[in-house]
């Protein structure tokens, strides 16, 4: 018992999300889907060093 109020709240939130209209930034969506991002994100990937990487990976397999 006692689940009715929680379920009703979840149902209410789900309906609001499903049927409400949202302003969508289609330009940002297109940029994200096309993979055109800023150069900063690629620079951060180059700086990453794996602390567990060593030269013995080939021997572990």
N, C-alpha and C. Protein backbone atom coordinates (compact mmCIF):
# COMPACT_ATOMS: atom_id res chain seq x y z
N UNK A 1 0.83 -1.19 0.00
CA UNK A 1 0.00 0.00 0.00
C UNK A 1 0.88 1.25 0.00
N UNK A 2 0.28 2.37 -0.37
CA UNK A 2 1.01 3.63 -0.37
C UNK A 2 1.71 3.93 -1.67
N UNK A 3 1.62 3.06 -2.64
CA UNK A 3 2.30 3.30 -3.91
C UNK A 3 1.46 4.14 -4.85
N UNK A 4 0.19 4.30 -4.58
CA UNK A 4 -0.71 5.01 -5.48
C UNK A 4 -0.31 6.44 -5.74
N UNK A 5 0.09 7.15 -4.70
CA UNK A 5 0.47 8.55 -4.86
C UNK A 5 1.75 8.68 -5.67
N UNK A 6 2.72 7.82 -5.42
CA UNK A 6 3.98 7.86 -6.16
C UNK A 6 3.75 7.52 -7.63
N UNK A 7 2.92 6.52 -7.88
CA UNK A 7 2.64 6.13 -9.27
C UNK A 7 1.89 7.25 -9.99
N UNK A 8 0.97 7.89 -9.30
CA UNK A 8 0.23 9.00 -9.91
C UNK A 8 1.17 10.15 -10.27
N UNK A 9 2.15 10.42 -9.42
CA UNK A 9 3.13 11.47 -9.69
C UNK A 9 3.98 11.11 -10.90
N UNK A 10 4.42 9.85 -10.97
CA UNK A 10 5.21 9.41 -12.12
C UNK A 10 4.41 9.50 -13.41
N UNK A 11 3.14 9.13 -13.34
CA UNK A 11 2.27 9.19 -14.52
C UNK A 11 2.09 10.63 -14.96
N UNK A 12 1.92 11.53 -14.01
CA UNK A 12 1.75 12.94 -14.33
C UNK A 12 3.00 13.50 -15.01
N UNK A 13 4.16 13.18 -14.46
CA UNK A 13 5.42 13.67 -15.04
C UNK A 13 5.62 13.08 -16.44
N UNK A 14 5.31 11.81 -16.60
CA UNK A 14 5.47 11.17 -17.91
C UNK A 14 4.56 11.81 -18.95
N UNK A 15 3.34 12.11 -18.57
CA UNK A 15 2.42 12.77 -19.52
C UNK A 15 2.92 14.16 -19.88
N UNK A 16 3.41 14.90 -18.89
CA UNK A 16 3.94 16.24 -19.18
C UNK A 16 5.10 16.17 -20.15
N UNK A 17 5.99 15.20 -19.96
CA UNK A 17 7.13 15.07 -20.87
C UNK A 17 6.69 14.64 -22.27
N UNK A 18 5.70 13.79 -22.33
CA UNK A 18 5.27 13.26 -23.61
C UNK A 18 4.51 14.28 -24.44
N UNK A 19 3.63 15.03 -23.81
CA UNK A 19 2.73 15.89 -24.56
C UNK A 19 3.08 17.37 -24.55
N UNK A 20 4.03 17.78 -23.75
CA UNK A 20 4.36 19.21 -23.73
C UNK A 20 5.24 19.54 -24.94
N UNK A 21 5.19 20.77 -25.35
CA UNK A 21 6.01 21.21 -26.47
C UNK A 21 7.28 21.85 -25.92
N UNK A 22 8.37 21.53 -26.54
CA UNK A 22 9.66 22.06 -26.12
C UNK A 22 10.27 22.82 -27.28
N UNK A 23 10.97 23.89 -26.95
CA UNK A 23 11.70 24.61 -27.98
C UNK A 23 12.98 23.83 -28.26
N UNK A 24 13.12 23.38 -29.48
CA UNK A 24 14.27 22.58 -29.85
C UNK A 24 15.23 23.42 -30.68
N UNK A 25 16.49 23.39 -30.31
CA UNK A 25 17.52 24.08 -31.06
C UNK A 25 18.04 23.12 -32.13
N UNK A 26 17.45 23.20 -33.31
CA UNK A 26 17.80 22.26 -34.37
C UNK A 26 19.20 22.50 -34.91
N UNK A 27 19.69 23.74 -34.83
CA UNK A 27 21.05 24.00 -35.28
C UNK A 27 22.06 23.29 -34.38
N UNK A 28 21.85 23.36 -33.07
CA UNK A 28 22.74 22.67 -32.13
C UNK A 28 22.65 21.16 -32.31
N UNK A 29 21.46 20.68 -32.55
CA UNK A 29 21.26 19.25 -32.78
C UNK A 29 22.00 18.80 -34.03
N UNK A 30 21.92 19.59 -35.09
CA UNK A 30 22.61 19.25 -36.34
C UNK A 30 24.13 19.24 -36.14
N UNK A 31 24.64 20.22 -35.39
CA UNK A 31 26.08 20.24 -35.13
C UNK A 31 26.51 19.01 -34.33
N UNK A 32 25.71 18.64 -33.36
CA UNK A 32 26.04 17.48 -32.53
C UNK A 32 26.00 16.19 -33.33
N UNK A 33 25.00 16.05 -34.18
CA UNK A 33 24.87 14.82 -34.95
C UNK A 33 25.89 14.72 -36.08
N UNK A 34 26.30 15.85 -36.61
CA UNK A 34 27.27 15.82 -37.70
C UNK A 34 28.69 15.62 -37.20
N UNK A 35 28.90 15.77 -35.90
CA UNK A 35 30.22 15.55 -35.34
C UNK A 35 31.11 16.76 -35.40
N UNK A 36 30.59 17.89 -35.79
CA UNK A 36 31.38 19.11 -35.83
C UNK A 36 31.40 19.69 -34.43
N UNK A 37 32.54 19.56 -33.78
CA UNK A 37 32.67 20.09 -32.43
C UNK A 37 33.88 21.00 -32.38
N UNK A 38 34.05 21.65 -31.28
CA UNK A 38 35.17 22.56 -31.13
C UNK A 38 36.47 21.77 -31.02
N UNK A 39 37.56 22.43 -31.29
CA UNK A 39 38.87 21.78 -31.21
C UNK A 39 39.27 21.48 -29.78
N UNK A 40 38.67 22.16 -28.80
CA UNK A 40 39.05 21.95 -27.41
C UNK A 40 38.79 20.52 -26.96
N UNK A 41 37.73 19.92 -27.41
CA UNK A 41 37.42 18.56 -26.99
C UNK A 41 38.45 17.56 -27.53
N UNK A 42 39.02 17.84 -28.71
CA UNK A 42 40.01 16.93 -29.27
C UNK A 42 41.35 17.12 -28.57
N UNK A 43 41.66 18.33 -28.15
CA UNK A 43 42.91 18.58 -27.46
C UNK A 43 42.94 17.88 -26.11
N UNK A 44 41.81 17.83 -25.43
CA UNK A 44 41.76 17.17 -24.13
C UNK A 44 41.99 15.68 -24.27
N UNK A 45 41.52 15.07 -25.36
CA UNK A 45 41.73 13.65 -25.57
C UNK A 45 43.20 13.33 -25.78
N UNK A 46 43.94 14.22 -26.42
CA UNK A 46 45.35 13.98 -26.69
C UNK A 46 46.17 14.04 -25.41
N UNK A 47 45.73 14.79 -24.42
CA UNK A 47 46.49 14.98 -23.19
C UNK A 47 46.30 13.82 -22.21
N UNK A 48 45.34 12.96 -22.44
CA UNK A 48 45.05 11.88 -21.51
C UNK A 48 46.15 10.82 -21.55
N UNK A 49 46.63 10.46 -20.38
CA UNK A 49 47.60 9.39 -20.27
C UNK A 49 47.03 8.31 -19.38
N UNK A 50 47.09 7.09 -19.82
CA UNK A 50 46.58 5.97 -19.06
C UNK A 50 47.62 5.56 -18.02
N UNK A 51 47.31 5.67 -16.74
CA UNK A 51 48.31 5.32 -15.72
C UNK A 51 48.61 3.83 -15.68
N UNK A 52 47.74 3.00 -16.26
CA UNK A 52 47.95 1.56 -16.22
C UNK A 52 48.57 1.01 -17.50
N UNK A 53 48.82 1.89 -18.45
CA UNK A 53 49.39 1.41 -19.71
C UNK A 53 50.87 1.12 -19.53
N UNK A 54 51.27 -0.02 -20.01
CA UNK A 54 52.67 -0.38 -19.98
C UNK A 54 53.00 -1.17 -21.24
N UNK A 55 54.24 -1.59 -21.36
CA UNK A 55 54.65 -2.27 -22.58
C UNK A 55 54.34 -3.77 -22.56
N UNK A 56 53.67 -4.27 -21.53
CA UNK A 56 53.43 -5.70 -21.41
C UNK A 56 52.05 -6.14 -21.87
N UNK A 57 51.29 -5.26 -22.50
CA UNK A 57 49.95 -5.61 -22.95
C UNK A 57 49.94 -6.78 -23.92
N UNK A 58 50.92 -6.87 -24.81
CA UNK A 58 50.95 -7.94 -25.80
C UNK A 58 51.17 -9.30 -25.15
N UNK A 59 51.85 -9.32 -24.02
CA UNK A 59 52.16 -10.59 -23.37
C UNK A 59 51.01 -11.11 -22.51
N UNK A 60 50.04 -10.26 -22.19
CA UNK A 60 48.95 -10.66 -21.33
C UNK A 60 47.87 -11.43 -22.07
N UNK A 61 47.86 -11.38 -23.34
CA UNK A 61 46.79 -12.02 -24.12
C UNK A 61 47.02 -13.46 -24.35
